[in-house]
Amino acid sequence: MKPPPFTYHAPRDLAAAVRTLAEVDGKVLAGGQSLIPMLNMRLAAPAHLVDINRAEGLGGIEADPAGVRVGALARHSEVERSGAHPLLTRALRLVAHPVIRNRGTVVGSLVHADPAAELPAVLAVLGGAVRVARWDGGAVAVREVPAAEFFVGPMESAVAPGELAVSAFFPALGAHDGVAFEEVARRHGDYALAGVCAVVTPRGAKVACVGVGPVPVVVDLGDLVNLDSGAPDPRAAADLRAAADLRAAAEAVREATEPEADIHASAAYRRHLVGVLAERALREAAREGAAARGA
C-alpha cells in the first residue's frame, strides 16, 4: 500500500521545524518506524509531513552525574551501544529487531506512547521527563514535561499540536541501585504480552508495567523490597528477603494493573503474568544492587 498524498517539509534547524509545525497541521517524521506503516495502511493521513532528520542540533546523547539526555534524532541502536544508562540499555535490547532499532528513535517511541512499548515504562519508573518545544511569539519556547504527566492515554502523549519533542531525560541510578527488565512476548521482538522493569535501591523499590494498562503502570513498593535487610552479606540479603517480600510485592503489582483481553491473551492471564514478571524483575534487581553494594 502507498501513503495518502501529503506536502513534505524538511526544516534545517529547530526554529524552522517548530515554526513549520505552528503553521501547518502535520506529523513529525524522525525514525518513522511507527508512522510510515500507519501512513501506508491509511491509519494516518496528515496533510503535511515535517521531516526533522536534516535539522541540526536534535541528535546526540549527553551523560552527566544527574542522568542521560537523549536527543530527538538519537537512534535506538546508537543509545543501546552507548551503554549510557543500564536500564535503558536493557530495555532497548527488547525493542523490536535490529533493523528497526537502527532507524527508530528513543524520543519518537516515547511520543508514540504505545502502552505495550518498553521505553515509556523506563521513563516512567525513573521519573524522567521529555523536553518539548514550540514556536511562540517569534521565538522557540521550551517546556519540560515529567513522565507522570507525559503519557496521557494509549497512543497519546502530552505533546500538543504544533509542538516537537526535542529530547528525553533519564535520571541516573545510584551506585548501589539494581535494575531489571522482564517481559514475555510471542516472539522475540514482538510487543510484549506483559512486561515489568524494576529499580531496587537501599531505600525501596519501584516498578513500571508494560501492556497492562492504558499508560505505563508505576507501582511504588516502598520498603517492601530493599537492600537493607540487616544480613551480614549483602548478596545474601536479597535472597533472605525474597521469599516473603517478593510474593507480597508481586501481589501489590497485580492489584495495581488494569489489563484488557485481546486476541493474544486474556485479562486474567496478563494479570497473572505481570505478577510473575514483577517477582522475577525485583529479585534480579535486588541481587544486582546487593552485589554492587558489597563490591
C-alpha atoms as a PDB file:
ATOM      1  CA  MET A   1       0.000   0.000   0.000  1.00  0.00           C
ATOM      2  CA  LYS A   2       1.001   3.606  -0.509  1.00  0.00           C
ATOM      3  CA  PRO A   3       0.503   6.594   1.811  1.00  0.00           C
ATOM      4  CA  PRO A   4      -2.103   9.259   1.063  1.00  0.00           C
ATOM      5  CA  PRO A   5      -0.862  12.499  -0.536  1.00  0.00           C
ATOM      6  CA  PHE A   6       0.912  14.996   1.732  1.00  0.00           C
ATOM      7  CA  THR A   7       3.094  18.091   1.497  1.00  0.00           C
ATOM      8  CA  TYR A   8       6.688  17.392   2.508  1.00  0.00           C
ATOM      9  CA  HIS A   9       8.764  19.768   4.661  1.00  0.00           C
ATOM     10  CA  ALA A  10      12.454  19.352   5.573  1.00  0.00           C
ATOM     11  CA  PRO A  11      13.476  22.082   8.055  1.00  0.00           C
ATOM     12  CA  ARG A  12      17.201  22.524   8.724  1.00  0.00           C
ATOM     13  CA  ASP A  13      17.070  23.623  12.378  1.00  0.00           C
ATOM     14  CA  LEU A  14      14.813  23.555  15.442  1.00  0.00           C
ATOM     15  CA  ALA A  15      13.390  27.026  14.882  1.00  0.00           C
ATOM     16  CA  ALA A  16      12.351  26.187  11.325  1.00  0.00           C
ATOM     17  CA  ALA A  17      10.845  22.888  12.479  1.00  0.00           C
ATOM     18  CA  VAL A  18       8.614  24.350  15.186  1.00  0.00           C
ATOM     19  CA  ARG A  19       7.714  27.330  13.012  1.00  0.00           C
ATOM     20  CA  THR A  20       6.550  24.916  10.314  1.00  0.00           C
ATOM     21  CA  LEU A  21       4.571  22.883  12.841  1.00  0.00           C
ATOM     22  CA  ALA A  22       2.898  26.075  14.063  1.00  0.00           C
ATOM     23  CA  GLU A  23       1.800  26.927  10.537  1.00  0.00           C
ATOM     24  CA  VAL A  24       0.557  23.545   9.303  1.00  0.00           C
ATOM     25  CA  ASP A  25      -1.396  20.600  10.656  1.00  0.00           C
ATOM     26  CA  GLY A  26       1.233  17.919  10.193  1.00  0.00           C
ATOM     27  CA  LYS A  27       3.038  14.877  11.547  1.00  0.00           C
ATOM     28  CA  VAL A  28       6.700  14.741  12.530  1.00  0.00           C
ATOM     29  CA  LEU A  29       8.968  12.214  10.801  1.00  0.00           C
ATOM     30  CA  ALA A  30      12.071  11.155  12.749  1.00  0.00           C
ATOM     31  CA  GLY A  31      12.680   7.399  12.670  1.00  0.00           C
ATOM     32  CA  GLY A  32       9.353   6.654  11.007  1.00  0.00           C
ATOM     33  CA  GLN A  33       9.164   3.054  12.241  1.00  0.00           C
ATOM     34  CA  SER A  34       5.629   3.616  13.541  1.00  0.00           C
ATOM     35  CA  LEU A  35       4.499   6.500  11.347  1.00  0.00           C
ATOM     36  CA  ILE A  36       5.364   5.058   7.931  1.00  0.00           C
ATOM     37  CA  PRO A  37       3.373   1.814   8.426  1.00  0.00           C
ATOM     38  CA  MET A  38       0.436   3.885   9.701  1.00  0.00           C
ATOM     39  CA  LEU A  39       0.592   6.062   6.600  1.00  0.00           C
ATOM     40  CA  ASN A  40       0.845   3.068   4.277  1.00  0.00           C
ATOM     41  CA  MET A  41      -2.149   1.391   5.940  1.00  0.00           C
ATOM     42  CA  ARG A  42      -4.072   4.680   5.798  1.00  0.00           C
ATOM     43  CA  LEU A  43      -4.420   4.745   9.590  1.00  0.00           C
ATOM     44  CA  ALA A  44      -2.995   8.276   9.470  1.00  0.00           C
ATOM     45  CA  ALA A  45      -3.497  10.835   6.732  1.00  0.00           C
ATOM     46  CA  PRO A  46      -1.730  14.096   7.592  1.00  0.00           C
ATOM     47  CA  ALA A  47      -1.837  16.904   5.080  1.00  0.00           C
ATOM     48  CA  HIS A  48       1.796  17.747   5.893  1.00  0.00           C
ATOM     49  CA  LEU A  49       4.846  15.695   6.863  1.00  0.00           C
ATOM     50  CA  VAL A  50       7.635  17.519   8.712  1.00  0.00           C
ATOM     51  CA  ASP A  51      10.897  15.580   8.344  1.00  0.00           C
ATOM     52  CA  ILE A  52      13.324  16.655  11.112  1.00  0.00           C
ATOM     53  CA  ASN A  53      16.198  14.374  10.059  1.00  0.00           C
ATOM     54  CA  ARG A  54      18.133  17.274   8.499  1.00  0.00           C
ATOM     55  CA  ALA A  55      17.555  19.616  11.445  1.00  0.00           C
ATOM     56  CA  GLU A  56      20.795  20.414  13.250  1.00  0.00           C
ATOM     57  CA  GLY A  57      21.174  20.001  16.996  1.00  0.00           C
ATOM     58  CA  LEU A  58      18.450  17.409  17.562  1.00  0.00           C
ATOM     59  CA  GLY A  59      20.635  14.317  17.895  1.00  0.00           C
ATOM     60  CA  GLY A  60      23.192  13.192  20.397  1.00  0.00           C
ATOM     61  CA  ILE A  61      23.427  11.568  23.807  1.00  0.00           C
ATOM     62  CA  GLU A  62      24.614  13.625  26.766  1.00  0.00           C
ATOM     63  CA  ALA A  63      25.522  11.892  30.031  1.00  0.00           C
ATOM     64  CA  ASP A  64      26.451  13.531  33.336  1.00  0.00           C
ATOM     65  CA  PRO A  65      26.141  12.583  37.018  1.00  0.00           C
ATOM     66  CA  ALA A  66      22.475  13.624  37.026  1.00  0.00           C
ATOM     67  CA  GLY A  67      21.443  11.350  34.175  1.00  0.00           C
ATOM     68  CA  VAL A  68      21.283  10.897  30.412  1.00  0.00           C
ATOM     69  CA  ARG A  69      19.653  13.232  27.900  1.00  0.00           C
ATOM     70  CA  VAL A  70      18.755  11.663  24.558  1.00  0.00           C
ATOM     71  CA  GLY A  71      18.129  13.878  21.534  1.00  0.00           C
ATOM     72  CA  ALA A  72      15.142  13.533  19.239  1.00  0.00           C
ATOM     73  CA  LEU A  73      17.214  12.003  16.421  1.00  0.00           C
ATOM     74  CA  ALA A  74      19.224   9.539  18.548  1.00  0.00           C
ATOM     75  CA  ARG A  75      18.506   6.045  17.203  1.00  0.00           C
ATOM     76  CA  HIS A  76      17.691   3.060  19.387  1.00  0.00           C
ATOM     77  CA  SER A  77      20.871   1.297  18.303  1.00  0.00           C
ATOM     78  CA  GLU A  78      23.033   4.353  18.991  1.00  0.00           C
ATOM     79  CA  VAL A  79      21.701   4.699  22.533  1.00  0.00           C
ATOM     80  CA  GLU A  80      21.959   0.952  23.118  1.00  0.00           C
ATOM     81  CA  ARG A  81      25.612   0.885  22.033  1.00  0.00           C
ATOM     82  CA  SER A  82      26.456   3.892  24.184  1.00  0.00           C
ATOM     83  CA  GLY A  83      25.636   1.996  27.381  1.00  0.00           C
ATOM     84  CA  ALA A  84      24.886   5.384  28.911  1.00  0.00           C
ATOM     85  CA  HIS A  85      22.130   4.096  31.206  1.00  0.00           C
ATOM     86  CA  PRO A  86      21.879   0.451  32.419  1.00  0.00           C
ATOM     87  CA  LEU A  87      18.081   0.208  32.466  1.00  0.00           C
ATOM     88  CA  LEU A  88      17.677   1.999  29.149  1.00  0.00           C
ATOM     89  CA  THR A  89      20.234  -0.334  27.561  1.00  0.00           C
ATOM     90  CA  ARG A  90      18.392  -3.431  28.815  1.00  0.00           C
ATOM     91  CA  ALA A  91      15.065  -2.144  27.564  1.00  0.00           C
ATOM     92  CA  LEU A  92      16.424  -1.302  24.118  1.00  0.00           C
ATOM     93  CA  ARG A  93      17.642  -4.880  23.635  1.00  0.00           C
ATOM     94  CA  LEU A  94      13.987  -5.926  23.835  1.00  0.00           C
ATOM     95  CA  VAL A  95      12.705  -3.358  21.327  1.00  0.00           C
ATOM     96  CA  ALA A  96      11.673  -4.918  18.011  1.00  0.00           C
ATOM     97  CA  HIS A  97      14.546  -6.123  15.800  1.00  0.00           C
ATOM     98  CA  PRO A  98      17.997  -4.705  14.908  1.00  0.00           C
ATOM     99  CA  VAL A  99      16.890  -3.353  11.540  1.00  0.00           C
ATOM    100  CA  ILE A 100      14.166  -1.322  13.281  1.00  0.00           C
ATOM    101  CA  ARG A 101      16.457  -0.201  16.096  1.00  0.00           C
ATOM    102  CA  ASN A 102      18.906   1.099  13.502  1.00  0.00           C
ATOM    103  CA  ARG A 103      16.344   3.665  12.382  1.00  0.00           C
ATOM    104  CA  GLY A 104      13.803   4.107  15.173  1.00  0.00           C
ATOM    105  CA  THR A 105      14.331   6.880  17.739  1.00  0.00           C
ATOM    106  CA  VAL A 106      14.029   6.788  21.526  1.00  0.00           C
ATOM    107  CA  VAL A 107      12.119  10.065  21.725  1.00  0.00           C
ATOM    108  CA  GLY A 108       9.820   9.004  18.889  1.00  0.00           C
ATOM    109  CA  SER A 109       8.922   5.847  20.801  1.00  0.00           C
ATOM    110  CA  LEU A 110       8.040   7.925  23.855  1.00  0.00           C
ATOM    111  CA  VAL A 111       5.840  10.297  21.842  1.00  0.00           C
ATOM    112  CA  HIS A 112       4.124   7.327  20.168  1.00  0.00           C
ATOM    113  CA  ALA A 113       3.086   6.322  23.720  1.00  0.00           C
ATOM    114  CA  ASP A 114       2.220   2.720  22.988  1.00  0.00           C
ATOM    115  CA  PRO A 115       1.325   1.136  26.359  1.00  0.00           C
ATOM    116  CA  ALA A 116       2.882  -2.141  25.175  1.00  0.00           C
ATOM    117  CA  ALA A 117       6.252  -0.491  24.435  1.00  0.00           C
ATOM    118  CA  GLU A 118       9.286  -0.730  26.700  1.00  0.00           C
ATOM    119  CA  LEU A 119      10.693   2.798  26.658  1.00  0.00           C
ATOM    120  CA  PRO A 120       7.683   4.612  28.163  1.00  0.00           C
ATOM    121  CA  ALA A 121       7.928   2.257  31.141  1.00  0.00           C
ATOM    122  CA  VAL A 122      11.615   3.067  31.597  1.00  0.00           C
ATOM    123  CA  LEU A 123      10.980   6.817  31.572  1.00  0.00           C
ATOM    124  CA  ALA A 124       8.078   6.361  33.996  1.00  0.00           C
ATOM    125  CA  VAL A 125       9.874   4.180  36.556  1.00  0.00           C
ATOM    126  CA  LEU A 126      12.894   6.514  36.604  1.00  0.00           C
ATOM    127  CA  GLY A 127      10.762   9.641  36.928  1.00  0.00           C
ATOM    128  CA  GLY A 128      12.288  11.174  33.814  1.00  0.00           C
ATOM    129  CA  ALA A 129      10.990  13.954  31.593  1.00  0.00           C
ATOM    130  CA  VAL A 130      10.564  14.985  27.966  1.00  0.00           C
ATOM    131  CA  ARG A 131      11.560  18.419  26.687  1.00  0.00           C
ATOM    132  CA  VAL A 132       9.030  19.887  24.258  1.00  0.00           C
ATOM    133  CA  ALA A 133       9.454  22.945  22.012  1.00  0.00           C
ATOM    134  CA  ARG A 134       7.016  25.186  20.154  1.00  0.00           C
ATOM    135  CA  TRP A 135       7.032  28.440  18.201  1.00  0.00           C
ATOM    136  CA  ASP A 136       5.806  31.297  20.389  1.00  0.00           C
ATOM    137  CA  GLY A 137       5.883  34.985  19.569  1.00  0.00           C
ATOM    138  CA  GLY A 138       8.705  34.740  17.076  1.00  0.00           C
ATOM    139  CA  ALA A 139      10.958  32.516  19.184  1.00  0.00           C
ATOM    140  CA  VAL A 140      11.338  28.916  20.326  1.00  0.00           C
ATOM    141  CA  ALA A 141       9.675  28.214  23.682  1.00  0.00           C
ATOM    142  CA  VAL A 142      10.603  25.093  25.621  1.00  0.00           C
ATOM    143  CA  ARG A 143       8.826  23.248  28.416  1.00  0.00           C
ATOM    144  CA  GLU A 144       9.780  20.158  30.423  1.00  0.00           C
ATOM    145  CA  VAL A 145       7.052  17.551  30.882  1.00  0.00           C
ATOM    146  CA  PRO A 146       7.584  14.990  33.690  1.00  0.00           C
ATOM    147  CA  ALA A 147       6.905  11.358  32.851  1.00  0.00           C
ATOM    148  CA  ALA A 148       3.914  11.243  35.223  1.00  0.00           C
ATOM    149  CA  GLU A 149       2.191  13.855  33.029  1.00  0.00           C
ATOM    150  CA  PHE A 150       3.601  12.906  29.648  1.00  0.00           C
ATOM    151  CA  PHE A 151       1.639   9.703  28.967  1.00  0.00           C
ATOM    152  CA  VAL A 152      -1.994  10.771  28.665  1.00  0.00           C
ATOM    153  CA  GLY A 153      -3.574   7.600  27.277  1.00  0.00           C
ATOM    154  CA  PRO A 154      -2.997   4.751  24.841  1.00  0.00           C
ATOM    155  CA  MET A 155      -1.056   6.157  21.852  1.00  0.00           C
ATOM    156  CA  GLU A 156      -1.473   9.664  23.281  1.00  0.00           C
ATOM    157  CA  SER A 157       1.220  11.853  24.808  1.00  0.00           C
ATOM    158  CA  ALA A 158       1.251  15.389  26.190  1.00  0.00           C
ATOM    159  CA  VAL A 159       2.877  16.749  23.004  1.00  0.00           C
ATOM    160  CA  ALA A 160       0.274  19.187  21.689  1.00  0.00           C
ATOM    161  CA  PRO A 161      -0.364  20.095  18.043  1.00  0.00           C
ATOM    162  CA  GLY A 162       2.378  22.421  16.848  1.00  0.00           C
ATOM    163  CA  GLU A 163       4.893  21.076  19.377  1.00  0.00           C
ATOM    164  CA  LEU A 164       8.019  18.991  18.890  1.00  0.00           C
ATOM    165  CA  ALA A 165       9.605  16.667  21.451  1.00  0.00           C
ATOM    166  CA  VAL A 166      13.294  17.555  21.273  1.00  0.00           C
ATOM    167  CA  SER A 167      14.840  15.330  23.953  1.00  0.00           C
ATOM    168  CA  ALA A 168      14.191  12.941  26.838  1.00  0.00           C
ATOM    169  CA  PHE A 169      15.971  12.861  30.203  1.00  0.00           C
ATOM    170  CA  PHE A 170      16.559   9.606  32.097  1.00  0.00           C
ATOM    171  CA  PRO A 171      17.763  10.217  35.694  1.00  0.00           C
ATOM    172  CA  ALA A 172      20.906   8.407  36.793  1.00  0.00           C
ATOM    173  CA  LEU A 173      20.865   5.407  39.123  1.00  0.00           C
ATOM    174  CA  GLY A 174      22.583   5.321  42.489  1.00  0.00           C
ATOM    175  CA  ALA A 175      25.842   3.420  42.875  1.00  0.00           C
ATOM    176  CA  HIS A 176      24.070   0.668  44.843  1.00  0.00           C
ATOM    177  CA  ASP A 177      20.828   0.525  42.857  1.00  0.00           C
ATOM    178  CA  GLY A 178      19.839  -2.580  40.918  1.00  0.00           C
ATOM    179  CA  VAL A 179      17.667  -2.753  37.799  1.00  0.00           C
ATOM    180  CA  ALA A 180      15.999  -5.421  35.686  1.00  0.00           C
ATOM    181  CA  PHE A 181      13.567  -5.722  32.776  1.00  0.00           C
ATOM    182  CA  GLU A 182      11.468  -8.851  32.270  1.00  0.00           C
ATOM    183  CA  GLU A 183       8.838  -9.441  29.595  1.00  0.00           C
ATOM    184  CA  VAL A 184       7.040 -12.200  27.738  1.00  0.00           C
ATOM    185  CA  ALA A 185       6.268 -11.885  24.020  1.00  0.00           C
ATOM    186  CA  ARG A 186       5.003 -14.423  21.498  1.00  0.00           C
ATOM    187  CA  ARG A 187       8.284 -13.972  19.596  1.00  0.00           C
ATOM    188  CA  HIS A 188      11.391 -12.002  20.436  1.00  0.00           C
ATOM    189  CA  GLY A 189      10.915  -8.509  19.060  1.00  0.00           C
ATOM    190  CA  ASP A 190       7.120  -8.599  19.204  1.00  0.00           C
ATOM    191  CA  TYR A 191       5.244  -6.312  21.558  1.00  0.00           C
ATOM    192  CA  ALA A 192       5.106  -7.900  24.997  1.00  0.00           C
ATOM    193  CA  LEU A 193       2.015  -9.606  26.360  1.00  0.00           C
ATOM    194  CA  ALA A 194       3.205  -8.103  29.637  1.00  0.00           C
ATOM    195  CA  GLY A 195       6.456  -6.710  30.975  1.00  0.00           C
ATOM    196  CA  VAL A 196       7.968  -5.238  34.126  1.00  0.00           C
ATOM    197  CA  CYS A 197      11.001  -3.016  34.667  1.00  0.00           C
ATOM    198  CA  ALA A 198      12.219  -2.672  38.237  1.00  0.00           C
ATOM    199  CA  VAL A 199      14.513  -0.386  40.196  1.00  0.00           C
ATOM    200  CA  VAL A 200      15.582  -1.523  43.681  1.00  0.00           C
ATOM    201  CA  THR A 201      17.566   0.824  45.925  1.00  0.00           C
ATOM    202  CA  PRO A 202      18.834   0.643  49.510  1.00  0.00           C
ATOM    203  CA  ARG A 203      15.656   2.565  50.412  1.00  0.00           C
ATOM    204  CA  GLY A 204      12.983   0.710  48.487  1.00  0.00           C
ATOM    205  CA  ALA A 205      11.706  -0.408  45.101  1.00  0.00           C
ATOM    206  CA  LYS A 206       9.585   0.779  42.214  1.00  0.00           C
ATOM    207  CA  VAL A 207       8.320  -0.983  39.103  1.00  0.00           C
ATOM    208  CA  ALA A 208       6.653   0.076  35.859  1.00  0.00           C
ATOM    209  CA  CYS A 209       4.470  -2.388  33.988  1.00  0.00           C
ATOM    210  CA  VAL A 210       4.044  -2.781  30.229  1.00  0.00           C
ATOM    211  CA  GLY A 211       0.895  -3.904  28.443  1.00  0.00           C
ATOM    212  CA  VAL A 212      -1.448  -3.983  31.454  1.00  0.00           C
ATOM    213  CA  GLY A 213      -2.979  -0.509  31.368  1.00  0.00           C
ATOM    214  CA  PRO A 214      -3.634   2.466  29.067  1.00  0.00           C
ATOM    215  CA  VAL A 215      -0.309   4.034  30.148  1.00  0.00           C
ATOM    216  CA  PRO A 216       2.746   2.599  31.943  1.00  0.00           C
ATOM    217  CA  VAL A 217       1.558   1.409  35.361  1.00  0.00           C
ATOM    218  CA  VAL A 218       4.013   2.595  38.023  1.00  0.00           C
ATOM    219  CA  VAL A 219       3.892   0.906  41.430  1.00  0.00           C
ATOM    220  CA  ASP A 220       5.951   2.289  44.311  1.00  0.00           C
ATOM    221  CA  LEU A 221       6.586  -0.648  46.643  1.00  0.00           C
ATOM    222  CA  GLY A 222       8.134   1.479  49.369  1.00  0.00           C
ATOM    223  CA  ASP A 223      10.494  -0.535  51.550  1.00  0.00           C
ATOM    224  CA  LEU A 224       8.741  -3.826  50.813  1.00  0.00           C
ATOM    225  CA  VAL A 225      11.788  -4.763  48.751  1.00  0.00           C
ATOM    226  CA  ASN A 226      15.141  -3.119  49.517  1.00  0.00           C
ATOM    227  CA  LEU A 227      18.789  -3.872  50.135  1.00  0.00           C
ATOM    228  CA  ASP A 228      18.869  -3.054  53.868  1.00  0.00           C
ATOM    229  CA  SER A 229      17.763  -6.363  55.354  1.00  0.00           C
ATOM    230  CA  GLY A 230      20.409  -6.373  58.063  1.00  0.00           C
ATOM    231  CA  ALA A 231      22.064  -9.529  56.773  1.00  0.00           C
ATOM    232  CA  PRO A 232      25.860  -9.542  57.132  1.00  0.00           C
ATOM    233  CA  ASP A 233      26.390 -10.442  53.460  1.00  0.00           C
ATOM    234  CA  PRO A 234      24.547  -8.010  51.142  1.00  0.00           C
ATOM    235  CA  ARG A 235      24.454 -10.661  48.398  1.00  0.00           C
ATOM    236  CA  ALA A 236      22.519 -12.928  50.756  1.00  0.00           C
ATOM    237  CA  ALA A 237      20.252 -10.092  51.852  1.00  0.00           C
ATOM    238  CA  ALA A 238      18.176 -10.109  48.678  1.00  0.00           C
ATOM    239  CA  ASP A 239      17.676 -13.874  48.892  1.00  0.00           C
ATOM    240  CA  LEU A 240      16.718 -13.739  52.575  1.00  0.00           C
ATOM    241  CA  ARG A 241      14.010 -11.186  51.878  1.00  0.00           C
ATOM    242  CA  ALA A 242      12.848 -12.642  48.589  1.00  0.00           C
ATOM    243  CA  ALA A 243      10.565 -15.449  49.718  1.00  0.00           C
ATOM    244  CA  ALA A 244       8.095 -13.318  51.667  1.00  0.00           C
ATOM    245  CA  ASP A 245       8.636  -9.813  50.374  1.00  0.00           C
ATOM    246  CA  LEU A 246       8.655 -10.582  46.663  1.00  0.00           C
ATOM    247  CA  ARG A 247       5.417 -12.534  46.826  1.00  0.00           C
ATOM    248  CA  ALA A 248       3.760  -9.600  48.577  1.00  0.00           C
ATOM    249  CA  ALA A 249       5.261  -7.175  46.066  1.00  0.00           C
ATOM    250  CA  ALA A 250       4.033  -9.256  43.135  1.00  0.00           C
ATOM    251  CA  GLU A 251       0.513  -9.258  44.553  1.00  0.00           C
ATOM    252  CA  ALA A 252       0.636  -5.471  45.012  1.00  0.00           C
ATOM    253  CA  VAL A 253       1.652  -5.107  41.362  1.00  0.00           C
ATOM    254  CA  ARG A 254      -1.202  -7.353  40.195  1.00  0.00           C
ATOM    255  CA  GLU A 255      -3.736  -5.288  42.129  1.00  0.00           C
ATOM    256  CA  ALA A 256      -2.473  -2.066  40.535  1.00  0.00           C
ATOM    257  CA  THR A 257      -2.915  -3.221  36.939  1.00  0.00           C
ATOM    258  CA  GLU A 258      -5.911  -2.980  34.610  1.00  0.00           C
ATOM    259  CA  PRO A 259      -5.170  -5.383  31.755  1.00  0.00           C
ATOM    260  CA  GLU A 260      -7.541  -5.902  28.855  1.00  0.00           C
ATOM    261  CA  ALA A 261      -8.175  -9.030  26.836  1.00  0.00           C
ATOM    262  CA  ASP A 262      -7.331  -9.277  23.139  1.00  0.00           C
ATOM    263  CA  ILE A 263      -6.667 -11.980  20.570  1.00  0.00           C
ATOM    264  CA  HIS A 264      -3.291 -12.727  22.164  1.00  0.00           C
ATOM    265  CA  ALA A 265      -4.167 -13.121  25.854  1.00  0.00           C
ATOM    266  CA  SER A 266      -6.977 -12.821  28.371  1.00  0.00           C
ATOM    267  CA  ALA A 267      -7.031 -10.117  31.025  1.00  0.00           C
ATOM    268  CA  ALA A 268      -6.701 -12.767  33.744  1.00  0.00           C
ATOM    269  CA  TYR A 269      -3.608 -14.253  32.104  1.00  0.00           C
ATOM    270  CA  ARG A 270      -1.962 -10.834  31.752  1.00  0.00           C
ATOM    271  CA  ARG A 271      -2.665 -10.026  35.397  1.00  0.00           C
ATOM    272  CA  HIS A 272      -1.147 -13.333  36.497  1.00  0.00           C
ATOM    273  CA  LEU A 273       1.820 -12.884  34.161  1.00  0.00           C
ATOM    274  CA  VAL A 274       2.659  -9.376  35.337  1.00  0.00           C
ATOM    275  CA  GLY A 275       2.886 -10.646  38.917  1.00  0.00           C
ATOM    276  CA  VAL A 276       5.264 -13.425  37.915  1.00  0.00           C
ATOM    277  CA  LEU A 277       7.410 -10.987  35.942  1.00  0.00           C
ATOM    278  CA  ALA A 278       7.396  -8.478  38.794  1.00  0.00           C
ATOM    279  CA  GLU A 279       8.747 -11.099  41.181  1.00  0.00           C
ATOM    280  CA  ARG A 280      11.483 -12.069  38.696  1.00  0.00           C
ATOM    281  CA  ALA A 281      12.471  -8.486  37.955  1.00  0.00           C
ATOM    282  CA  LEU A 282      12.549  -7.460  41.611  1.00  0.00           C
ATOM    283  CA  ARG A 283      14.629 -10.476  42.582  1.00  0.00           C
ATOM    284  CA  GLU A 284      17.148  -9.803  39.813  1.00  0.00           C
ATOM    285  CA  ALA A 285      17.329  -6.083  40.578  1.00  0.00           C
ATOM    286  CA  ALA A 286      17.739  -6.727  44.315  1.00  0.00           C
ATOM    287  CA  ARG A 287      20.574  -9.184  43.698  1.00  0.00           C
ATOM    288  CA  GLU A 288      22.319  -6.803  41.329  1.00  0.00           C
ATOM    289  CA  GLY A 289      22.065  -3.916  43.763  1.00  0.00           C
ATOM    290  CA  ALA A 290      23.165  -6.006  46.740  1.00  0.00           C
ATOM    291  CA  ALA A 291      26.174  -7.262  44.783  1.00  0.00           C
ATOM    292  CA  ALA A 292      27.160  -3.704  43.881  1.00  0.00           C
ATOM    293  CA  ARG A 293      26.802  -2.676  47.494  1.00  0.00           C
ATOM    294  CA  GLY A 294      29.093  -5.492  48.612  1.00  0.00           C
ATOM    295  CA  ALA A 295      31.702  -4.946  45.899  1.00  0.00           C
END
